[in-house]
Protein backbone atom coordinates (compact mmCIF):
# COMPACT_ATOMS: atom_id res chain seq x y z
CA MET A 1 72.78 -57.46 -18.84
CA LEU A 2 72.93 -61.20 -18.15
CA GLY A 3 72.00 -61.83 -14.53
CA TRP A 4 68.99 -61.44 -12.38
CA PRO A 5 68.94 -57.65 -12.54
CA ALA A 6 68.30 -57.84 -16.23
CA ILE A 7 65.65 -60.56 -15.81
CA LEU A 8 63.84 -58.60 -13.05
CA GLY A 9 64.19 -55.38 -15.07
CA SER A 10 62.64 -57.05 -18.07
CA VAL A 11 59.77 -58.32 -16.01
CA ILE A 12 59.19 -54.87 -14.39
CA LEU A 13 59.24 -53.21 -17.76
CA ALA A 14 56.83 -55.75 -19.21
CA LEU A 15 54.43 -55.28 -16.32
CA ALA A 16 54.60 -51.52 -16.62
CA GLY A 17 53.91 -51.74 -20.28
CA LEU A 18 50.88 -53.96 -19.79
CA PHE A 19 49.44 -51.97 -16.86
CA ARG A 20 50.07 -48.56 -18.48
CA ARG A 21 48.95 -49.77 -21.99
CA GLU A 22 52.24 -48.54 -23.42
CA PHE A 23 53.91 -50.68 -26.08
CA ARG A 24 57.27 -48.93 -25.68
CA PHE A 25 57.87 -50.52 -22.38
CA LEU A 26 57.15 -53.86 -23.77
CA VAL A 27 59.72 -53.36 -26.51
CA ALA A 28 62.28 -52.29 -23.98
CA ALA A 29 61.57 -55.44 -21.97
CA ALA A 30 62.04 -57.52 -25.13
CA VAL A 31 65.43 -55.80 -25.91
CA LEU A 32 66.57 -56.22 -22.33
CA ALA A 33 65.57 -59.98 -22.50
CA LEU A 34 67.74 -60.57 -25.56
CA PRO A 35 71.24 -61.05 -23.84
CA PHE A 36 70.06 -63.32 -20.96
CA SER A 37 67.80 -65.45 -23.18
CA TRP A 38 70.58 -66.00 -25.73
CA ALA A 39 73.00 -66.82 -22.92
CA LEU A 40 70.58 -69.34 -21.42
CA SER A 41 70.08 -71.03 -24.82
CA GLY A 42 73.79 -71.74 -25.23
CA PHE A 43 74.41 -69.19 -28.00
CA PRO A 44 76.18 -69.33 -30.54
CA VAL A 45 75.49 -73.04 -30.67
CA ILE A 46 71.77 -72.96 -29.99
CA GLN A 47 70.83 -75.86 -27.71
CA SER A 48 67.49 -74.68 -26.48
CA PRO A 49 64.46 -72.77 -27.80
CA VAL A 50 64.93 -70.18 -24.99
CA PHE A 51 66.52 -67.82 -27.45
CA LEU A 52 62.99 -67.17 -28.80
CA LEU A 53 61.89 -65.86 -25.40
CA PRO A 54 62.12 -62.15 -26.39
CA LEU A 55 59.60 -62.75 -29.18
CA ILE A 56 56.95 -62.96 -26.62
CA PRO A 57 57.22 -59.38 -25.35
CA PHE A 58 57.60 -58.20 -28.99
CA LEU A 59 54.27 -59.88 -29.87
CA SER A 60 52.68 -58.44 -26.84
CA ALA A 61 53.95 -54.95 -27.79
CA TYR A 62 52.57 -55.48 -31.33
CA PHE A 63 49.11 -56.32 -30.01
CA MET A 64 49.28 -53.46 -27.54
CA TYR A 65 50.17 -51.11 -30.36
CA ARG A 66 47.13 -52.40 -32.32
CA ASP A 67 44.94 -51.69 -29.28
CA ARG A 68 44.40 -55.49 -28.66
CA GLU A 69 44.94 -55.44 -24.91
CA MET A 70 43.62 -58.87 -24.15
CA LEU A 71 45.85 -60.54 -26.72
CA ALA A 72 48.78 -58.57 -25.38
CA TRP A 73 48.09 -59.94 -21.84
CA ILE A 74 47.58 -63.47 -23.29
CA PHE A 75 50.92 -63.38 -24.97
CA ALA A 76 52.68 -61.94 -21.93
CA VAL A 77 51.57 -64.73 -19.54
CA PRO A 78 53.86 -67.39 -21.03
CA TYR A 79 56.78 -64.92 -20.67
CA PHE A 80 56.09 -64.50 -16.99
CA LEU A 81 55.62 -68.22 -16.57
CA MET A 82 58.96 -68.94 -18.23
CA ILE A 83 60.63 -66.51 -15.87
CA TRP A 84 58.78 -68.20 -12.94
CA LEU A 85 60.07 -71.54 -14.17
CA LEU A 86 63.64 -70.27 -14.43
CA LEU A 87 63.38 -68.95 -10.80
CA ASN A 88 62.08 -72.35 -9.61
CA VAL A 89 64.81 -74.30 -11.42
CA ILE A 90 67.56 -72.08 -9.99
CA HIS A 91 66.25 -72.46 -6.43
CA ALA A 92 65.79 -76.23 -6.86
CA VAL A 93 69.55 -76.68 -7.64
């Protein structure tokens, strides 16, 4: 639940939710993102705003539920960019 399998699983679920227009997949992606985002933020002493990362798929799921597909995609893009940034930071070290 904390490593790359959880991160990749979360990204795959988010993409499936966006392409299939199904908000349940986005909610599952957000729930799967909770453990690794809290671990990256230094929980319980919060040292980084990364713990708010699961809010992005939740917002995307809300907009998908309300049939606002474009807003769902717009809110999902920063989530994918944060994962891409994390991947680049890990490979740079």
